[in-house]
Amino acid sequence: MIIVLKPKCDENDIKKVTNKIEGYGLEPHVSTGHETTIIGVIGDTTKVDPRDIEVSP
């Protein structure tokens, strides 16, 4: 699973998402670019509800 965060998100947003991913027993891999951050998720993602990890603002 790949999660693309909104441009210019802050560390708080990234931490919220990685904590939720880890809560599912999965491993997040954060890649921060100039404006956009993506998170690769390693593990069985079939048990993840994508709506649970959506970030608002």
N, C-alpha and C. Protein backbone atom coordinates (compact mmCIF):
# COMPACT_ATOMS: atom_id res chain seq x y z
N MET A 1 0.86 -1.17 0.00
CA MET A 1 0.00 0.00 0.00
C MET A 1 0.90 1.22 0.00
N ILE A 2 0.49 2.23 -0.77
CA ILE A 2 1.21 3.50 -0.80
C ILE A 2 0.24 4.60 -0.41
N ILE A 3 0.64 5.42 0.53
CA ILE A 3 -0.17 6.54 1.00
C ILE A 3 0.52 7.83 0.59
N VAL A 4 -0.20 8.68 -0.11
CA VAL A 4 0.34 9.98 -0.53
C VAL A 4 -0.30 11.05 0.34
N LEU A 5 0.52 11.75 1.09
CA LEU A 5 0.03 12.81 1.97
C LEU A 5 -0.10 14.12 1.20
N LYS A 6 -0.88 15.01 1.74
CA LYS A 6 -1.06 16.32 1.11
C LYS A 6 0.27 17.08 1.09
N PRO A 7 0.45 17.92 0.07
CA PRO A 7 1.70 18.70 0.01
C PRO A 7 1.91 19.53 1.28
N LYS A 8 3.15 19.63 1.66
CA LYS A 8 3.56 20.46 2.80
C LYS A 8 2.93 20.02 4.13
N CYS A 9 2.63 18.71 4.28
CA CYS A 9 2.10 18.25 5.57
C CYS A 9 3.20 18.36 6.61
N ASP A 10 2.80 18.44 7.87
CA ASP A 10 3.81 18.61 8.92
C ASP A 10 4.12 17.27 9.59
N GLU A 11 5.10 17.29 10.47
CA GLU A 11 5.54 16.07 11.16
C GLU A 11 4.42 15.44 11.98
N ASN A 12 3.54 16.27 12.52
CA ASN A 12 2.40 15.76 13.29
C ASN A 12 1.51 14.86 12.44
N ASP A 13 1.20 15.31 11.21
CA ASP A 13 0.38 14.52 10.30
C ASP A 13 1.05 13.20 9.96
N ILE A 14 2.34 13.27 9.68
CA ILE A 14 3.09 12.06 9.34
C ILE A 14 3.06 11.08 10.51
N LYS A 15 3.28 11.59 11.71
CA LYS A 15 3.31 10.73 12.90
C LYS A 15 1.94 10.08 13.15
N LYS A 16 0.85 10.83 12.94
CA LYS A 16 -0.49 10.26 13.11
C LYS A 16 -0.70 9.07 12.19
N VAL A 17 -0.30 9.23 10.94
CA VAL A 17 -0.49 8.16 9.96
C VAL A 17 0.40 6.97 10.28
N THR A 18 1.67 7.21 10.59
CA THR A 18 2.57 6.09 10.90
C THR A 18 2.13 5.36 12.16
N ASN A 19 1.61 6.08 13.14
CA ASN A 19 1.11 5.42 14.35
C ASN A 19 -0.07 4.51 14.04
N LYS A 20 -0.98 4.97 13.18
CA LYS A 20 -2.13 4.14 12.79
C LYS A 20 -1.67 2.89 12.06
N ILE A 21 -0.70 3.06 11.16
CA ILE A 21 -0.17 1.93 10.40
C ILE A 21 0.45 0.91 11.35
N GLU A 22 1.27 1.39 12.28
CA GLU A 22 1.90 0.50 13.26
C GLU A 22 0.87 -0.17 14.14
N GLY A 23 -0.25 0.51 14.41
CA GLY A 23 -1.33 -0.06 15.20
C GLY A 23 -1.95 -1.29 14.54
N TYR A 24 -1.85 -1.37 13.23
CA TYR A 24 -2.32 -2.53 12.48
C TYR A 24 -1.27 -3.63 12.44
N GLY A 25 -0.10 -3.38 13.03
CA GLY A 25 0.98 -4.36 13.00
C GLY A 25 1.76 -4.32 11.70
N LEU A 26 1.69 -3.21 10.98
CA LEU A 26 2.38 -3.06 9.71
C LEU A 26 3.58 -2.13 9.86
N GLU A 27 4.42 -2.12 8.85
CA GLU A 27 5.64 -1.31 8.91
C GLU A 27 5.59 -0.16 7.90
N PRO A 28 5.61 1.09 8.40
CA PRO A 28 5.61 2.24 7.49
C PRO A 28 7.03 2.62 7.06
N HIS A 29 7.16 3.02 5.80
CA HIS A 29 8.42 3.55 5.28
C HIS A 29 8.13 4.93 4.70
N VAL A 30 8.62 5.95 5.38
CA VAL A 30 8.33 7.33 5.01
C VAL A 30 9.37 7.84 4.02
N SER A 31 8.90 8.46 2.95
CA SER A 31 9.77 9.09 1.97
C SER A 31 9.30 10.52 1.77
N THR A 32 10.15 11.47 2.18
CA THR A 32 9.79 12.88 2.12
C THR A 32 10.49 13.55 0.96
N GLY A 33 9.69 14.14 0.07
CA GLY A 33 10.23 14.88 -1.06
C GLY A 33 10.22 16.36 -0.78
N HIS A 34 10.44 17.13 -1.80
CA HIS A 34 10.49 18.60 -1.66
C HIS A 34 9.15 19.15 -1.18
N GLU A 35 8.05 18.65 -1.73
CA GLU A 35 6.73 19.15 -1.34
C GLU A 35 5.78 18.06 -0.87
N THR A 36 6.01 16.82 -1.24
CA THR A 36 5.08 15.74 -0.95
C THR A 36 5.76 14.62 -0.18
N THR A 37 5.02 14.01 0.72
CA THR A 37 5.50 12.87 1.48
C THR A 37 4.66 11.66 1.12
N ILE A 38 5.33 10.53 0.90
CA ILE A 38 4.60 9.28 0.69
C ILE A 38 5.03 8.29 1.77
N ILE A 39 4.12 7.38 2.07
CA ILE A 39 4.40 6.34 3.05
C ILE A 39 4.10 5.00 2.41
N GLY A 40 5.11 4.17 2.31
CA GLY A 40 4.93 2.80 1.83
C GLY A 40 4.60 1.94 3.03
N VAL A 41 3.65 1.04 2.88
CA VAL A 41 3.22 0.18 3.97
C VAL A 41 3.58 -1.26 3.64
N ILE A 42 4.35 -1.89 4.52
CA ILE A 42 4.80 -3.25 4.33
C ILE A 42 4.01 -4.17 5.26
N GLY A 43 3.47 -5.25 4.69
CA GLY A 43 2.72 -6.21 5.47
C GLY A 43 1.37 -6.49 4.82
N ASP A 44 0.54 -7.24 5.51
CA ASP A 44 -0.78 -7.61 5.01
C ASP A 44 -1.75 -6.45 5.19
N THR A 45 -1.96 -5.70 4.13
CA THR A 45 -2.79 -4.50 4.22
C THR A 45 -4.28 -4.79 4.02
N THR A 46 -4.65 -6.05 3.85
CA THR A 46 -6.06 -6.37 3.65
C THR A 46 -6.91 -6.03 4.87
N LYS A 47 -6.29 -5.94 6.02
CA LYS A 47 -7.05 -5.63 7.24
C LYS A 47 -7.15 -4.13 7.52
N VAL A 48 -6.60 -3.30 6.62
CA VAL A 48 -6.61 -1.85 6.80
C VAL A 48 -7.81 -1.23 6.08
N ASP A 49 -8.57 -0.42 6.80
CA ASP A 49 -9.64 0.36 6.19
C ASP A 49 -9.02 1.70 5.79
N PRO A 50 -8.88 1.97 4.48
CA PRO A 50 -8.22 3.21 4.04
C PRO A 50 -8.85 4.47 4.64
N ARG A 51 -10.14 4.44 4.93
CA ARG A 51 -10.78 5.62 5.52
C ARG A 51 -10.26 5.90 6.92
N ASP A 52 -9.71 4.87 7.57
CA ASP A 52 -9.19 5.03 8.92
C ASP A 52 -7.87 5.79 8.96
N ILE A 53 -7.18 5.84 7.83
CA ILE A 53 -5.88 6.51 7.83
C ILE A 53 -5.87 7.79 7.01
N GLU A 54 -7.04 8.22 6.56
CA GLU A 54 -7.10 9.48 5.84
C GLU A 54 -6.79 10.64 6.78
N VAL A 55 -6.06 11.61 6.25
CA VAL A 55 -5.70 12.79 7.05
C VAL A 55 -6.44 13.99 6.51
N SER A 56 -7.14 14.68 7.37
CA SER A 56 -7.82 15.91 6.97
C SER A 56 -6.88 17.08 7.21
N PRO A 57 -7.25 18.24 6.77
CA PRO A 57 -6.53 19.50 6.63
C PRO A 57 -5.35 19.48 5.76
